[in-house]
Amino acid sequence: MIRLLKLWVLLGILLFASAAHASKSFVLTDLSGVNHRLSDYRGKWVVVNYWATWCPPCLEEVPDLVNLYDGRKDQDLMVFGVVFEYKNLEEVERFADDMLMSYPIVLGNERIVSEIGSAAVLPTTYIFNPQGQLVKVRRGLINRQYIEELMADSTR
């Protein structure tokens, strides 16, 4: 029983350290070559959505993310799409264009995974509050309502 308790405490410490690491900062370079730092968006919620062109739930969530971004980008929200497991740049650009993805698109790599978090499940979304702290990791499908409720709940 003591051994199990120690294991849970160690797991908690590792998860906390991972979240703390992710919330320090990161740099994302979009397809236009623009560098985006988490600190550039202090005062805004930052949504980092990992996706792939072959992923049906990813296709399903993109319209909600586009609508959310387009409606709030000048106020209190920034969205990044980080693509993993793609064939080539042309495939990514074509997909982003076909899906009308208006938010910055970033090519995923190991550096991003080490700075933000795992891409083992697609889609996965990392949500940072306006202070730059990681407040939610959502593995699987996400929608606009979920994100807006999370944002609203934090102000109560």
Protein backbone atom coordinates (compact mmCIF):
# COMPACT_ATOMS: atom_id res chain seq x y z
CA MET A 1 0.00 0.00 0.00
CA ILE A 2 2.84 2.40 0.86
CA ARG A 3 4.57 1.51 -2.40
CA LEU A 4 1.39 2.33 -4.36
CA LEU A 5 1.04 5.65 -2.53
CA LYS A 6 4.66 6.53 -3.37
CA LEU A 7 4.00 5.67 -7.01
CA TRP A 8 0.96 8.00 -7.08
CA VAL A 9 2.95 10.82 -5.48
CA LEU A 10 5.76 10.38 -8.01
CA LEU A 11 3.27 10.33 -10.88
CA GLY A 12 1.68 13.54 -9.56
CA ILE A 13 5.07 15.25 -9.33
CA LEU A 14 5.92 14.22 -12.89
CA LEU A 15 2.59 15.47 -14.24
CA PHE A 16 2.97 18.76 -12.37
CA ALA A 17 6.53 19.18 -13.64
CA SER A 18 5.37 18.47 -17.19
CA ALA A 19 2.58 21.05 -16.94
CA ALA A 20 4.93 23.58 -15.36
CA HIS A 21 7.45 23.02 -18.14
CA ALA A 22 4.83 23.52 -20.83
CA SER A 23 3.57 26.72 -19.25
CA LYS A 24 7.00 28.41 -19.13
CA SER A 25 7.04 29.30 -22.80
CA PHE A 26 7.23 27.98 -26.29
CA VAL A 27 8.01 29.26 -29.75
CA LEU A 28 5.98 28.21 -32.79
CA THR A 29 7.01 29.10 -36.33
CA ASP A 30 4.06 29.20 -38.70
CA LEU A 31 4.03 28.39 -42.43
CA SER A 32 4.69 32.08 -43.21
CA GLY A 33 7.90 31.97 -41.15
CA VAL A 34 6.49 34.09 -38.31
CA ASN A 35 7.67 33.16 -34.80
CA HIS A 36 4.99 33.12 -32.12
CA ARG A 37 5.98 33.02 -28.45
CA LEU A 38 3.51 32.17 -25.71
CA SER A 39 4.58 35.39 -23.98
CA ASP A 40 3.47 37.38 -27.08
CA TYR A 41 -0.12 36.52 -26.16
CA ARG A 42 -0.24 37.51 -22.46
CA GLY A 43 -3.79 38.59 -21.73
CA LYS A 44 -5.24 36.16 -24.26
CA TRP A 45 -6.25 32.54 -24.10
CA VAL A 46 -3.99 30.40 -26.31
CA VAL A 47 -5.29 27.21 -27.90
CA VAL A 48 -2.70 24.87 -29.46
CA ASN A 49 -4.45 22.17 -31.46
CA TYR A 50 -2.47 19.16 -32.70
CA TRP A 51 -4.01 17.57 -35.80
CA ALA A 52 -3.32 15.51 -38.93
CA THR A 53 -4.75 15.61 -42.44
CA TRP A 54 -5.86 11.95 -42.25
CA CYS A 55 -7.68 12.34 -38.90
CA PRO A 56 -11.55 12.40 -39.10
CA PRO A 57 -12.07 14.03 -35.65
CA CYS A 58 -9.53 16.68 -36.65
CA LEU A 59 -11.59 17.51 -39.74
CA GLU A 60 -14.69 17.69 -37.58
CA GLU A 61 -13.25 20.18 -35.09
CA VAL A 62 -11.61 22.57 -37.57
CA PRO A 63 -14.78 24.58 -38.45
CA ASP A 64 -15.43 25.27 -34.74
CA LEU A 65 -11.81 26.34 -34.20
CA VAL A 66 -11.97 28.62 -37.26
CA ASN A 67 -15.21 30.22 -36.06
CA LEU A 68 -13.85 30.63 -32.54
CA TYR A 69 -10.62 32.20 -33.80
CA ASP A 70 -12.32 34.49 -36.31
CA GLY A 71 -14.78 35.70 -33.70
CA ARG A 72 -12.32 36.34 -30.87
CA LYS A 73 -8.82 36.84 -32.34
CA ASP A 74 -8.96 40.61 -31.87
CA GLN A 75 -10.22 40.27 -28.31
CA ASP A 76 -9.11 37.47 -26.02
CA LEU A 77 -8.02 34.37 -27.96
CA MET A 78 -5.27 32.96 -30.17
CA VAL A 79 -5.41 29.58 -31.93
CA PHE A 80 -2.55 27.60 -33.47
CA GLY A 81 -2.93 24.47 -35.55
CA VAL A 82 0.09 22.17 -35.26
CA VAL A 83 0.05 19.45 -37.91
CA PHE A 84 1.72 16.09 -37.33
CA GLU A 85 2.14 13.02 -39.58
CA TYR A 86 1.84 14.79 -42.92
CA LYS A 87 3.27 13.75 -46.30
CA ASN A 88 4.62 17.10 -47.45
CA LEU A 89 4.14 20.86 -47.17
CA GLU A 90 1.87 21.01 -50.22
CA GLU A 91 -0.56 18.55 -48.62
CA VAL A 92 -0.71 20.67 -45.47
CA GLU A 93 -1.20 23.93 -47.39
CA ARG A 94 -3.93 22.39 -49.55
CA PHE A 95 -5.72 20.98 -46.50
CA ALA A 96 -5.52 24.30 -44.62
CA ASP A 97 -6.82 26.15 -47.67
CA ASP A 98 -9.68 23.68 -48.27
CA MET A 99 -10.71 23.88 -44.59
CA LEU A 100 -10.45 27.71 -44.58
CA MET A 101 -8.07 27.57 -41.62
CA SER A 102 -7.53 31.26 -40.85
CA TYR A 103 -5.34 30.73 -37.78
CA PRO A 104 -1.57 30.11 -38.03
CA ILE A 105 -0.51 26.59 -39.06
CA VAL A 106 2.71 25.11 -37.71
CA LEU A 107 4.57 21.99 -38.83
CA GLY A 108 4.87 19.74 -35.79
CA ASN A 109 8.24 18.39 -34.66
CA GLU A 110 9.98 16.96 -31.61
CA ARG A 111 10.98 20.39 -30.30
CA ILE A 112 7.31 21.43 -30.12
CA VAL A 113 6.42 18.18 -28.36
CA SER A 114 9.19 18.76 -25.82
CA GLU A 115 8.10 22.38 -25.22
CA ILE A 116 4.31 21.87 -25.14
CA GLY A 117 3.42 18.20 -24.77
CA SER A 118 2.75 14.85 -26.38
CA ALA A 119 1.23 14.30 -29.81
CA ALA A 120 0.55 10.61 -29.15
CA VAL A 121 -3.22 11.10 -29.64
CA LEU A 122 -4.65 13.18 -32.47
CA PRO A 123 -6.34 15.51 -32.07
CA THR A 124 -4.93 16.86 -28.82
CA THR A 125 -5.49 20.42 -27.65
CA TYR A 126 -3.45 22.38 -25.10
CA ILE A 127 -5.20 25.41 -23.61
CA PHE A 128 -3.28 28.20 -21.85
CA ASN A 129 -4.95 30.89 -19.78
CA PRO A 130 -4.25 34.64 -20.23
CA GLN A 131 -1.39 34.38 -17.70
CA GLY A 132 0.34 31.79 -19.91
CA GLN A 133 -0.37 28.80 -17.66
CA LEU A 134 -1.42 25.47 -19.10
CA VAL A 135 -4.91 24.88 -17.73
CA LYS A 136 -6.26 22.04 -19.86
CA VAL A 137 -5.07 19.21 -22.07
CA ARG A 138 -7.89 17.68 -24.10
CA ARG A 139 -7.18 14.49 -26.00
CA GLY A 140 -9.73 13.80 -28.73
CA LEU A 141 -12.37 15.97 -30.35
CA ILE A 142 -12.86 19.50 -29.02
CA ASN A 143 -15.42 22.12 -29.96
CA ARG A 144 -16.04 25.84 -29.64
CA GLN A 145 -18.57 25.42 -26.82
CA TYR A 146 -16.10 23.45 -24.69
CA ILE A 147 -13.42 26.14 -25.05
CA GLU A 148 -15.82 29.02 -24.43
CA GLU A 149 -17.20 27.31 -21.31
CA LEU A 150 -13.66 26.77 -20.00
CA MET A 151 -12.89 30.44 -20.60
CA ALA A 152 -16.15 31.56 -18.92
CA ASP A 153 -15.66 29.23 -15.93
CA SER A 154 -12.27 30.76 -15.19
CA THR A 155 -13.80 34.22 -14.75
CA ARG A 156 -16.36 33.08 -12.18
